[in-house]
Amino acid sequence: MGIRGEEPGVEDAFTEHRPLLFTIAYEMLGSAADAEDVLQESYLRWSAVDPAAVEHPRAYLVRVVTRQALNHLRAVRARREEYVGTWLPEPIRTAPEVSEDAILAESVSMAVMLVLETLNPTERAVFVLHDVFGYTHGEIALSVGKTEVTVRQIAHRARRHVHARRRRFDPDCDASREVVRRFLLAAATGEIQALMDLLAPDVVQISDGGGKVVAARRPITGRDDVARFVIKVIRNSAATTHVEHTTYNGMPAARFLTGGELDWLVAFEIHDGRITGLYGIRNPDKLHGADTVHPLDRGASQPWKP
């Protein structure tokens, strides 16, 4: 099948759709580094085909990236089962406008990404492509190698699983950032009551050190225990630690730098003015790319077949 005469070249087409392809790969894998590997593999496959034989480059690239991400996810699942401590997604620095797309902001949040980890690879791919990116069951069937009927059943099962476990939260906004600012101030000054007033009763704190640095290996739950943990961590931090406020995974976040180097970061989950979740990443392997702002795109303004 031929394409229209002024379609972009191989590299131009891939570059044009790169934010969309990265977002799909990241949501399927929970790792920016793995997503970049998938995009590199997908680009090599794309560059080996004749563009004139591809009628719809965007649809073709989404299928290639989905298949590569599925293969990659199946390969890394065993390693994640042996992970030391609690595994958290690799955080990605996001632009403020991500919070303007409620579906996108929720889908890359730490809470939802953790729920996606409980799906099998095919369920995860189907849920991400259908519920986040809006592809039809028939279109997804071409990407995952299943029949449309089977994909419909998988989508129903995955959606029920995710909705039963998802946590409600408010997207990054001025109000949420103010809650974080007040929380960090209370922690730094040791005002335990002010700290607890900003925590939801069922708040959960999860740390990821990957066994490479000191970090809590199990989730800490409940306002009292989380408040005590936070005060202890802040007190033990170096006096030279500098805090930066920013956004990761569409959530308000804080970066803690010691000697100019990023030591750890925390993403805050907030609902109705109280912190319901703290996700602290200290594993140095997950902080290498923490300065990079990743453009994300659901492709919501474009049809499956441009």
C-alpha atoms as a PDB file:
ATOM      1  CA  MET A   1       0.000   0.000   0.000  1.00  0.00           C
ATOM      2  CA  GLY A   2       1.360   3.404  -0.879  1.00  0.00           C
ATOM      3  CA  ILE A   3       1.213   6.535   1.214  1.00  0.00           C
ATOM      4  CA  ARG A   4       0.503  10.112   0.333  1.00  0.00           C
ATOM      5  CA  GLY A   5       3.342  11.832  -1.466  1.00  0.00           C
ATOM      6  CA  GLU A   6       4.304  14.287   1.288  1.00  0.00           C
ATOM      7  CA  GLU A   7       4.460  11.906   4.248  1.00  0.00           C
ATOM      8  CA  PRO A   8       7.476  12.554   6.514  1.00  0.00           C
ATOM      9  CA  GLY A   9      10.614  10.458   6.056  1.00  0.00           C
ATOM     10  CA  VAL A  10      11.655   7.581   8.307  1.00  0.00           C
ATOM     11  CA  GLU A  11      13.394   9.739  10.909  1.00  0.00           C
ATOM     12  CA  ASP A  12      10.853  12.576  10.714  1.00  0.00           C
ATOM     13  CA  ALA A  13       7.912  10.224  11.305  1.00  0.00           C
ATOM     14  CA  PHE A  14       9.576   8.627  14.318  1.00  0.00           C
ATOM     15  CA  THR A  15      10.543  12.004  15.787  1.00  0.00           C
ATOM     16  CA  GLU A  16       7.033  13.360  15.265  1.00  0.00           C
ATOM     17  CA  HIS A  17       5.462  10.535  17.238  1.00  0.00           C
ATOM     18  CA  ARG A  18       8.251  10.030  19.775  1.00  0.00           C
ATOM     19  CA  PRO A  19       6.419  11.597  22.782  1.00  0.00           C
ATOM     20  CA  LEU A  20       3.444   9.296  22.176  1.00  0.00           C
ATOM     21  CA  LEU A  21       5.670   6.231  21.717  1.00  0.00           C
ATOM     22  CA  PHE A  22       7.690   7.021  24.856  1.00  0.00           C
ATOM     23  CA  THR A  23       4.510   7.483  26.897  1.00  0.00           C
ATOM     24  CA  ILE A  24       3.145   4.109  25.778  1.00  0.00           C
ATOM     25  CA  ALA A  25       6.440   2.343  26.523  1.00  0.00           C
ATOM     26  CA  TYR A  26       6.860   4.037  29.909  1.00  0.00           C
ATOM     27  CA  GLU A  27       3.327   3.214  31.048  1.00  0.00           C
ATOM     28  CA  MET A  28       3.834  -0.395  30.027  1.00  0.00           C
ATOM     29  CA  LEU A  29       7.249  -0.725  31.673  1.00  0.00           C
ATOM     30  CA  GLY A  30       7.402   1.741  34.569  1.00  0.00           C
ATOM     31  CA  SER A  31      10.967   2.599  33.647  1.00  0.00           C
ATOM     32  CA  ALA A  32      12.210   5.508  31.562  1.00  0.00           C
ATOM     33  CA  ALA A  33      15.493   3.701  30.857  1.00  0.00           C
ATOM     34  CA  ASP A  34      13.659   0.586  29.642  1.00  0.00           C
ATOM     35  CA  ALA A  35      11.274   2.755  27.609  1.00  0.00           C
ATOM     36  CA  GLU A  36      14.241   4.393  25.876  1.00  0.00           C
ATOM     37  CA  ASP A  37      15.681   0.941  25.105  1.00  0.00           C
ATOM     38  CA  VAL A  38      12.358  -0.075  23.571  1.00  0.00           C
ATOM     39  CA  LEU A  39      12.270   3.079  21.456  1.00  0.00           C
ATOM     40  CA  GLN A  40      15.809   2.416  20.245  1.00  0.00           C
ATOM     41  CA  GLU A  41      14.901  -1.149  19.256  1.00  0.00           C
ATOM     42  CA  SER A  42      11.715   0.076  17.597  1.00  0.00           C
ATOM     43  CA  TYR A  43      13.558   2.752  15.634  1.00  0.00           C
ATOM     44  CA  LEU A  44      15.985   0.159  14.267  1.00  0.00           C
ATOM     45  CA  ARG A  45      13.041  -1.920  13.071  1.00  0.00           C
ATOM     46  CA  TRP A  46      11.326   1.147  11.639  1.00  0.00           C
ATOM     47  CA  SER A  47      14.434   2.274   9.780  1.00  0.00           C
ATOM     48  CA  ALA A  48      14.678  -1.146   8.132  1.00  0.00           C
ATOM     49  CA  VAL A  49      11.284  -0.914   6.413  1.00  0.00           C
ATOM     50  CA  ASP A  50      10.370   0.858   3.194  1.00  0.00           C
ATOM     51  CA  PRO A  51       8.261   3.925   4.166  1.00  0.00           C
ATOM     52  CA  ALA A  52       6.370   3.599   0.902  1.00  0.00           C
ATOM     53  CA  ALA A  53       5.029   0.260   2.132  1.00  0.00           C
ATOM     54  CA  VAL A  54       3.563   1.772   5.308  1.00  0.00           C
ATOM     55  CA  GLU A  55       0.231   3.490   4.815  1.00  0.00           C
ATOM     56  CA  HIS A  56      -0.147   4.739   8.390  1.00  0.00           C
ATOM     57  CA  PRO A  57       3.234   5.318  10.093  1.00  0.00           C
ATOM     58  CA  ARG A  58       1.776   6.259  13.465  1.00  0.00           C
ATOM     59  CA  ALA A  59      -0.331   3.100  13.739  1.00  0.00           C
ATOM     60  CA  TYR A  60       2.602   1.003  12.558  1.00  0.00           C
ATOM     61  CA  LEU A  61       4.965   2.540  15.130  1.00  0.00           C
ATOM     62  CA  VAL A  62       2.497   2.075  17.987  1.00  0.00           C
ATOM     63  CA  ARG A  63       2.239  -1.617  17.110  1.00  0.00           C
ATOM     64  CA  VAL A  64       6.016  -2.018  16.958  1.00  0.00           C
ATOM     65  CA  VAL A  65       6.573  -0.249  20.280  1.00  0.00           C
ATOM     66  CA  THR A  66       3.785  -2.229  21.960  1.00  0.00           C
ATOM     67  CA  ARG A  67       5.256  -5.551  20.841  1.00  0.00           C
ATOM     68  CA  GLN A  68       8.789  -4.561  21.875  1.00  0.00           C
ATOM     69  CA  ALA A  69       7.547  -3.318  25.244  1.00  0.00           C
ATOM     70  CA  LEU A  70       5.654  -6.567  25.821  1.00  0.00           C
ATOM     71  CA  ASN A  71       8.791  -8.591  25.105  1.00  0.00           C
ATOM     72  CA  HIS A  72      10.829  -6.365  27.411  1.00  0.00           C
ATOM     73  CA  LEU A  73       8.268  -6.505  30.213  1.00  0.00           C
ATOM     74  CA  ARG A  74       8.144 -10.284  30.158  1.00  0.00           C
ATOM     75  CA  ALA A  75      11.939 -10.365  30.418  1.00  0.00           C
ATOM     76  CA  VAL A  76      12.199  -8.007  33.405  1.00  0.00           C
ATOM     77  CA  ARG A  77       9.336  -9.362  35.518  1.00  0.00           C
ATOM     78  CA  ALA A  78      11.514 -12.056  37.079  1.00  0.00           C
ATOM     79  CA  ARG A  79      14.119  -9.457  38.116  1.00  0.00           C
ATOM     80  CA  ARG A  80      11.452  -7.299  39.749  1.00  0.00           C
ATOM     81  CA  GLU A  81      10.198 -10.254  41.771  1.00  0.00           C
ATOM     82  CA  GLU A  82      13.711 -10.542  43.277  1.00  0.00           C
ATOM     83  CA  TYR A  83      14.009  -6.795  43.931  1.00  0.00           C
ATOM     84  CA  VAL A  84      15.349  -5.844  47.362  1.00  0.00           C
ATOM     85  CA  GLY A  85      12.710  -3.876  49.248  1.00  0.00           C
ATOM     86  CA  THR A  86       9.716  -2.240  47.606  1.00  0.00           C
ATOM     87  CA  TRP A  87       9.902  -1.595  43.861  1.00  0.00           C
ATOM     88  CA  LEU A  88       8.689   1.799  42.673  1.00  0.00           C
ATOM     89  CA  PRO A  89       8.482   3.025  39.074  1.00  0.00           C
ATOM     90  CA  GLU A  90      11.421   5.071  37.857  1.00  0.00           C
ATOM     91  CA  PRO A  91      10.281   8.672  38.380  1.00  0.00           C
ATOM     92  CA  ILE A  92      10.085  10.953  35.371  1.00  0.00           C
ATOM     93  CA  ARG A  93      10.164  14.712  35.559  1.00  0.00           C
ATOM     94  CA  THR A  94       7.039  16.040  33.864  1.00  0.00           C
ATOM     95  CA  ALA A  95       6.023  19.420  32.530  1.00  0.00           C
ATOM     96  CA  PRO A  96       3.244  21.310  34.376  1.00  0.00           C
ATOM     97  CA  GLU A  97       0.826  20.897  31.464  1.00  0.00           C
ATOM     98  CA  VAL A  98       0.649  17.139  32.086  1.00  0.00           C
ATOM     99  CA  SER A  99      -1.728  17.859  34.978  1.00  0.00           C
ATOM    100  CA  GLU A 100      -4.103  19.551  32.509  1.00  0.00           C
ATOM    101  CA  ASP A 101      -4.881  16.121  31.025  1.00  0.00           C
ATOM    102  CA  ALA A 102      -6.539  14.310  33.926  1.00  0.00           C
ATOM    103  CA  ILE A 103      -6.342  10.888  32.273  1.00  0.00           C
ATOM    104  CA  LEU A 104      -2.656  11.259  31.438  1.00  0.00           C
ATOM    105  CA  ALA A 105      -1.759  12.644  34.881  1.00  0.00           C
ATOM    106  CA  GLU A 106      -3.496   9.783  36.665  1.00  0.00           C
ATOM    107  CA  SER A 107      -2.084   7.111  34.356  1.00  0.00           C
ATOM    108  CA  VAL A 108       1.559   8.089  35.057  1.00  0.00           C
ATOM    109  CA  SER A 109       1.035   8.667  38.799  1.00  0.00           C
ATOM    110  CA  MET A 110       2.951   6.430  41.172  1.00  0.00           C
ATOM    111  CA  ALA A 111      -0.242   4.966  42.598  1.00  0.00           C
ATOM    112  CA  VAL A 112      -1.647   3.847  39.241  1.00  0.00           C
ATOM    113  CA  MET A 113       1.745   2.665  37.976  1.00  0.00           C
ATOM    114  CA  LEU A 114       2.009   0.413  41.030  1.00  0.00           C
ATOM    115  CA  VAL A 115      -1.428  -1.025  40.304  1.00  0.00           C
ATOM    116  CA  LEU A 116      -0.378  -1.667  36.705  1.00  0.00           C
ATOM    117  CA  GLU A 117       2.509  -3.753  38.080  1.00  0.00           C
ATOM    118  CA  THR A 118      -0.056  -6.227  39.421  1.00  0.00           C
ATOM    119  CA  LEU A 119      -1.380  -6.967  35.921  1.00  0.00           C
ATOM    120  CA  ASN A 120       0.219  -9.528  33.649  1.00  0.00           C
ATOM    121  CA  PRO A 121       2.016  -8.073  30.587  1.00  0.00           C
ATOM    122  CA  THR A 122      -0.859  -8.557  28.146  1.00  0.00           C
ATOM    123  CA  GLU A 123      -3.433  -7.162  30.577  1.00  0.00           C
ATOM    124  CA  ARG A 124      -1.218  -4.140  31.144  1.00  0.00           C
ATOM    125  CA  ALA A 125      -0.774  -3.495  27.430  1.00  0.00           C
ATOM    126  CA  VAL A 126      -4.506  -3.806  26.752  1.00  0.00           C
ATOM    127  CA  PHE A 127      -5.485  -1.561  29.658  1.00  0.00           C
ATOM    128  CA  VAL A 128      -2.944   1.136  28.761  1.00  0.00           C
ATOM    129  CA  LEU A 129      -3.810   1.177  25.060  1.00  0.00           C
ATOM    130  CA  HIS A 130      -7.579   1.132  25.584  1.00  0.00           C
ATOM    131  CA  ASP A 131      -8.273   3.084  28.780  1.00  0.00           C
ATOM    132  CA  VAL A 132      -5.431   5.611  28.526  1.00  0.00           C
ATOM    133  CA  PHE A 133      -4.856   6.037  24.801  1.00  0.00           C
ATOM    134  CA  GLY A 134      -8.346   5.247  23.564  1.00  0.00           C
ATOM    135  CA  TYR A 135      -7.553   2.585  20.981  1.00  0.00           C
ATOM    136  CA  THR A 136     -10.315   0.172  20.023  1.00  0.00           C
ATOM    137  CA  HIS A 137     -10.260  -3.508  20.867  1.00  0.00           C
ATOM    138  CA  GLY A 138      -9.766  -4.332  17.202  1.00  0.00           C
ATOM    139  CA  GLU A 139      -6.791  -1.986  16.897  1.00  0.00           C
ATOM    140  CA  ILE A 140      -5.220  -3.390  20.063  1.00  0.00           C
ATOM    141  CA  ALA A 141      -5.699  -6.948  18.811  1.00  0.00           C
ATOM    142  CA  LEU A 142      -3.297  -6.178  15.958  1.00  0.00           C
ATOM    143  CA  SER A 143      -0.655  -5.058  18.471  1.00  0.00           C
ATOM    144  CA  VAL A 144      -0.872  -7.857  21.031  1.00  0.00           C
ATOM    145  CA  GLY A 145      -1.552 -10.793  18.720  1.00  0.00           C
ATOM    146  CA  LYS A 146      -4.979 -11.696  20.150  1.00  0.00           C
ATOM    147  CA  THR A 147      -8.465 -11.817  18.683  1.00  0.00           C
ATOM    148  CA  GLU A 148     -10.740  -8.843  19.179  1.00  0.00           C
ATOM    149  CA  VAL A 149     -13.074 -10.930  21.364  1.00  0.00           C
ATOM    150  CA  THR A 150     -10.167 -11.981  23.589  1.00  0.00           C
ATOM    151  CA  VAL A 151      -8.906  -8.408  23.862  1.00  0.00           C
ATOM    152  CA  ARG A 152     -12.378  -7.249  24.908  1.00  0.00           C
ATOM    153  CA  GLN A 153     -12.413  -9.854  27.701  1.00  0.00           C
ATOM    154  CA  ILE A 154      -8.891  -8.908  28.818  1.00  0.00           C
ATOM    155  CA  ALA A 155      -9.809  -5.214  28.843  1.00  0.00           C
ATOM    156  CA  HIS A 156     -12.845  -5.848  31.034  1.00  0.00           C
ATOM    157  CA  ARG A 157     -10.836  -7.950  33.483  1.00  0.00           C
ATOM    158  CA  ALA A 158      -7.944  -5.466  33.645  1.00  0.00           C
ATOM    159  CA  ARG A 159     -10.234  -2.450  34.093  1.00  0.00           C
ATOM    160  CA  ARG A 160     -12.097  -4.104  36.952  1.00  0.00           C
ATOM    161  CA  HIS A 161      -8.770  -4.988  38.603  1.00  0.00           C
ATOM    162  CA  VAL A 162      -7.356  -1.460  38.288  1.00  0.00           C
ATOM    163  CA  HIS A 163     -10.515   0.364  39.359  1.00  0.00           C
ATOM    164  CA  ALA A 164     -10.790  -1.795  42.481  1.00  0.00           C
ATOM    165  CA  ARG A 165      -7.270  -0.792  43.557  1.00  0.00           C
ATOM    166  CA  ARG A 166      -6.781   2.748  42.295  1.00  0.00           C
ATOM    167  CA  ARG A 167      -6.351   5.570  44.801  1.00  0.00           C
ATOM    168  CA  ARG A 168      -8.038   8.940  44.381  1.00  0.00           C
ATOM    169  CA  PHE A 169      -5.749  11.962  44.271  1.00  0.00           C
ATOM    170  CA  ASP A 170      -5.670  15.576  43.141  1.00  0.00           C
ATOM    171  CA  PRO A 171      -3.415  16.475  40.188  1.00  0.00           C
ATOM    172  CA  ASP A 172      -0.446  18.786  40.612  1.00  0.00           C
ATOM    173  CA  CYS A 173      -1.754  22.311  41.196  1.00  0.00           C
ATOM    174  CA  ASP A 174      -1.052  25.396  43.309  1.00  0.00           C
ATOM    175  CA  ALA A 175      -3.116  24.053  46.210  1.00  0.00           C
ATOM    176  CA  SER A 176      -1.293  20.712  46.201  1.00  0.00           C
ATOM    177  CA  ARG A 177       2.098  22.383  46.027  1.00  0.00           C
ATOM    178  CA  GLU A 178       1.158  24.563  48.997  1.00  0.00           C
ATOM    179  CA  VAL A 179       0.322  21.437  51.010  1.00  0.00           C
ATOM    180  CA  VAL A 180       3.776  20.049  50.193  1.00  0.00           C
ATOM    181  CA  ARG A 181       5.458  23.329  51.139  1.00  0.00           C
ATOM    182  CA  ARG A 182       3.701  23.399  54.515  1.00  0.00           C
ATOM    183  CA  PHE A 183       4.475  19.733  55.096  1.00  0.00           C
ATOM    184  CA  LEU A 184       8.200  20.145  54.451  1.00  0.00           C
ATOM    185  CA  LEU A 185       8.320  23.237  56.631  1.00  0.00           C
ATOM    186  CA  ALA A 186       6.646  21.379  59.505  1.00  0.00           C
ATOM    187  CA  ALA A 187       9.029  18.450  59.062  1.00  0.00           C
ATOM    188  CA  ALA A 188      12.090  20.713  59.021  1.00  0.00           C
ATOM    189  CA  THR A 189      11.009  22.577  62.175  1.00  0.00           C
ATOM    190  CA  GLY A 190       9.854  19.449  63.990  1.00  0.00           C
ATOM    191  CA  GLU A 191       6.247  20.620  64.365  1.00  0.00           C
ATOM    192  CA  ILE A 192       4.745  17.173  64.737  1.00  0.00           C
ATOM    193  CA  GLN A 193       1.118  18.315  65.124  1.00  0.00           C
ATOM    194  CA  ALA A 194       1.287  20.552  62.043  1.00  0.00           C
ATOM    195  CA  LEU A 195       2.801  17.626  60.182  1.00  0.00           C
ATOM    196  CA  MET A 196       0.079  15.211  61.251  1.00  0.00           C
ATOM    197  CA  ASP A 197      -2.658  17.696  60.358  1.00  0.00           C
ATOM    198  CA  LEU A 198      -1.491  17.466  56.736  1.00  0.00           C
ATOM    199  CA  LEU A 199      -1.506  13.657  56.641  1.00  0.00           C
ATOM    200  CA  ALA A 200      -4.583  11.547  55.893  1.00  0.00           C
ATOM    201  CA  PRO A 201      -5.356   8.920  58.577  1.00  0.00           C
ATOM    202  CA  ASP A 202      -4.577   6.067  56.155  1.00  0.00           C
ATOM    203  CA  VAL A 203      -1.503   7.695  54.574  1.00  0.00           C
ATOM    204  CA  VAL A 204       1.146   5.320  53.207  1.00  0.00           C
ATOM    205  CA  GLN A 205       4.860   5.976  52.777  1.00  0.00           C
ATOM    206  CA  ILE A 206       6.819   3.802  50.351  1.00  0.00           C
ATOM    207  CA  SER A 207      10.581   3.935  49.876  1.00  0.00           C
ATOM    208  CA  ASP A 208      12.716   2.442  47.101  1.00  0.00           C
ATOM    209  CA  GLY A 209      16.420   2.057  47.757  1.00  0.00           C
ATOM    210  CA  GLY A 210      16.880  -1.072  45.681  1.00  0.00           C
ATOM    211  CA  GLY A 211      19.145  -2.523  48.369  1.00  0.00           C
ATOM    212  CA  LYS A 212      21.837  -0.046  47.334  1.00  0.00           C
ATOM    213  CA  VAL A 213      21.187   2.737  49.864  1.00  0.00           C
ATOM    214  CA  VAL A 214      19.450   3.000  53.223  1.00  0.00           C
ATOM    215  CA  ALA A 215      15.673   3.056  52.805  1.00  0.00           C
ATOM    216  CA  ALA A 216      12.633   1.545  54.498  1.00  0.00           C
ATOM    217  CA  ARG A 217      12.092  -1.877  52.955  1.00  0.00           C
ATOM    218  CA  ARG A 218       8.401  -2.092  53.770  1.00  0.00           C
ATOM    219  CA  PRO A 219       5.593   0.431  53.370  1.00  0.00           C
ATOM    220  CA  ILE A 220       4.796   2.516  56.446  1.00  0.00           C
ATOM    221  CA  THR A 221       1.111   3.173  57.017  1.00  0.00           C
ATOM    222  CA  GLY A 222      -0.897   5.408  59.316  1.00  0.00           C
ATOM    223  CA  ARG A 223      -0.529   9.053  60.263  1.00  0.00           C
ATOM    224  CA  ASP A 224       1.445   8.520  63.493  1.00  0.00           C
ATOM    225  CA  ASP A 225       4.032   6.122  62.073  1.00  0.00           C
ATOM    226  CA  VAL A 226       4.532   8.113  58.878  1.00  0.00           C
ATOM    227  CA  ALA A 227       4.959  11.380  60.806  1.00  0.00           C
ATOM    228  CA  ARG A 228       7.585   9.826  63.086  1.00  0.00           C
ATOM    229  CA  PHE A 229       9.396   8.345  60.085  1.00  0.00           C
ATOM    230  CA  VAL A 230       9.472  11.672  58.246  1.00  0.00           C
ATOM    231  CA  ILE A 231      10.765  13.580  61.285  1.00  0.00           C
ATOM    232  CA  LYS A 232      13.516  10.990  61.764  1.00  0.00           C
ATOM    233  CA  VAL A 233      14.582  11.140  58.119  1.00  0.00           C
ATOM    234  CA  ILE A 234      14.685  14.938  58.078  1.00  0.00           C
ATOM    235  CA  ARG A 235      16.685  15.058  61.326  1.00  0.00           C
ATOM    236  CA  ASN A 236      19.213  12.587  59.939  1.00  0.00           C
ATOM    237  CA  SER A 237      19.623  14.502  56.670  1.00  0.00           C
ATOM    238  CA  ALA A 238      22.834  16.411  56.143  1.00  0.00           C
ATOM    239  CA  ALA A 239      22.731  20.046  57.201  1.00  0.00           C
ATOM    240  CA  THR A 240      23.772  20.970  53.659  1.00  0.00           C
ATOM    241  CA  THR A 241      20.754  19.241  52.086  1.00  0.00           C
ATOM    242  CA  HIS A 242      18.922  21.555  49.687  1.00  0.00           C
ATOM    243  CA  VAL A 243      15.266  21.034  48.759  1.00  0.00           C
ATOM    244  CA  GLU A 244      13.809  21.836  45.340  1.00  0.00           C
ATOM    245  CA  HIS A 245      10.083  21.805  44.552  1.00  0.00           C
ATOM    246  CA  THR A 246       9.134  20.345  41.187  1.00  0.00           C
ATOM    247  CA  THR A 247       6.801  17.884  39.424  1.00  0.00           C
ATOM    248  CA  TYR A 248       7.325  14.169  38.812  1.00  0.00           C
ATOM    249  CA  ASN A 249       4.817  11.790  37.263  1.00  0.00           C
ATOM    250  CA  GLY A 250       2.233  14.567  37.221  1.00  0.00           C
ATOM    251  CA  MET A 251       2.496  14.865  41.028  1.00  0.00           C
ATOM    252  CA  PRO A 252       3.975  17.590  43.234  1.00  0.00           C
ATOM    253  CA  ALA A 253       7.423  16.465  44.309  1.00  0.00           C
ATOM    254  CA  ALA A 254      10.526  17.492  46.226  1.00  0.00           C
ATOM    255  CA  ARG A 255      14.145  16.853  45.271  1.00  0.00           C
ATOM    256  CA  PHE A 256      16.710  16.572  48.079  1.00  0.00           C
ATOM    257  CA  LEU A 257      20.228  17.481  46.997  1.00  0.00           C
ATOM    258  CA  THR A 258      23.384  17.051  49.076  1.00  0.00           C
ATOM    259  CA  GLY A 259      26.557  18.687  47.818  1.00  0.00           C
ATOM    260  CA  GLY A 260      24.733  19.560  44.617  1.00  0.00           C
ATOM    261  CA  GLU A 261      23.941  15.885  43.885  1.00  0.00           C
ATOM    262  CA  LEU A 262      20.437  14.442  43.900  1.00  0.00           C
ATOM    263  CA  ASP A 263      20.236  12.116  46.908  1.00  0.00           C
ATOM    264  CA  TRP A 264      16.528  11.291  46.859  1.00  0.00           C
ATOM    265  CA  LEU A 265      13.187  12.564  45.713  1.00  0.00           C
ATOM    266  CA  VAL A 266       9.660  12.252  47.020  1.00  0.00           C
ATOM    267  CA  ALA A 267       6.435  12.422  45.014  1.00  0.00           C
ATOM    268  CA  PHE A 268       3.338  13.396  47.005  1.00  0.00           C
ATOM    269  CA  GLU A 269      -0.145  12.030  46.511  1.00  0.00           C
ATOM    270  CA  ILE A 270      -2.741  14.496  47.802  1.00  0.00           C
ATOM    271  CA  HIS A 271      -6.511  14.289  48.099  1.00  0.00           C
ATOM    272  CA  ASP A 272      -8.838  16.876  49.645  1.00  0.00           C
ATOM    273  CA  GLY A 273      -5.943  18.884  51.046  1.00  0.00           C
ATOM    274  CA  ARG A 274      -4.229  15.980  52.837  1.00  0.00           C
ATOM    275  CA  ILE A 275      -1.301  13.803  51.873  1.00  0.00           C
ATOM    276  CA  THR A 276      -2.421  10.235  51.219  1.00  0.00           C
ATOM    277  CA  GLY A 277       0.824   8.861  49.818  1.00  0.00           C
ATOM    278  CA  LEU A 278       4.559   9.599  49.850  1.00  0.00           C
ATOM    279  CA  TYR A 279       6.746   7.826  47.304  1.00  0.00           C
ATOM    280  CA  GLY A 280      10.445   8.178  48.078  1.00  0.00           C
ATOM    281  CA  ILE A 281      13.043   7.072  45.538  1.00  0.00           C
ATOM    282  CA  ARG A 282      16.669   6.711  46.648  1.00  0.00           C
ATOM    283  CA  ASN A 283      17.863   3.933  44.338  1.00  0.00           C
ATOM    284  CA  PRO A 284      20.660   5.719  42.428  1.00  0.00           C
ATOM    285  CA  ASP A 285      19.905   3.669  39.305  1.00  0.00           C
ATOM    286  CA  LYS A 286      16.503   5.369  39.145  1.00  0.00           C
ATOM    287  CA  LEU A 287      17.856   8.880  39.670  1.00  0.00           C
ATOM    288  CA  HIS A 288      20.354   9.060  36.801  1.00  0.00           C
ATOM    289  CA  GLY A 289      17.817  10.572  34.415  1.00  0.00           C
ATOM    290  CA  ALA A 290      15.833  12.491  37.029  1.00  0.00           C
ATOM    291  CA  ASP A 291      16.832  15.894  35.612  1.00  0.00           C
ATOM    292  CA  THR A 292      15.362  15.186  32.170  1.00  0.00           C
ATOM    293  CA  VAL A 293      11.887  16.540  31.492  1.00  0.00           C
ATOM    294  CA  HIS A 294      10.050  13.956  29.392  1.00  0.00           C
ATOM    295  CA  PRO A 295       7.396  15.239  26.960  1.00  0.00           C
ATOM    296  CA  LEU A 296       4.340  13.004  27.320  1.00  0.00           C
ATOM    297  CA  ASP A 297       1.504  12.609  24.840  1.00  0.00           C
ATOM    298  CA  ARG A 298      -1.660  10.520  24.705  1.00  0.00           C
ATOM    299  CA  GLY A 299      -2.289  11.444  21.081  1.00  0.00           C
ATOM    300  CA  ALA A 300      -5.822  12.327  22.103  1.00  0.00           C
ATOM    301  CA  SER A 301      -6.162  14.904  19.349  1.00  0.00           C
ATOM    302  CA  GLN A 302      -5.175  12.422  16.642  1.00  0.00           C
ATOM    303  CA  PRO A 303      -6.995   9.363  15.350  1.00  0.00           C
ATOM    304  CA  TRP A 304      -5.402   5.934  15.313  1.00  0.00           C
ATOM    305  CA  LYS A 305      -4.892   6.199  11.573  1.00  0.00           C
ATOM    306  CA  PRO A 306      -3.796   9.756  10.638  1.00  0.00           C
END
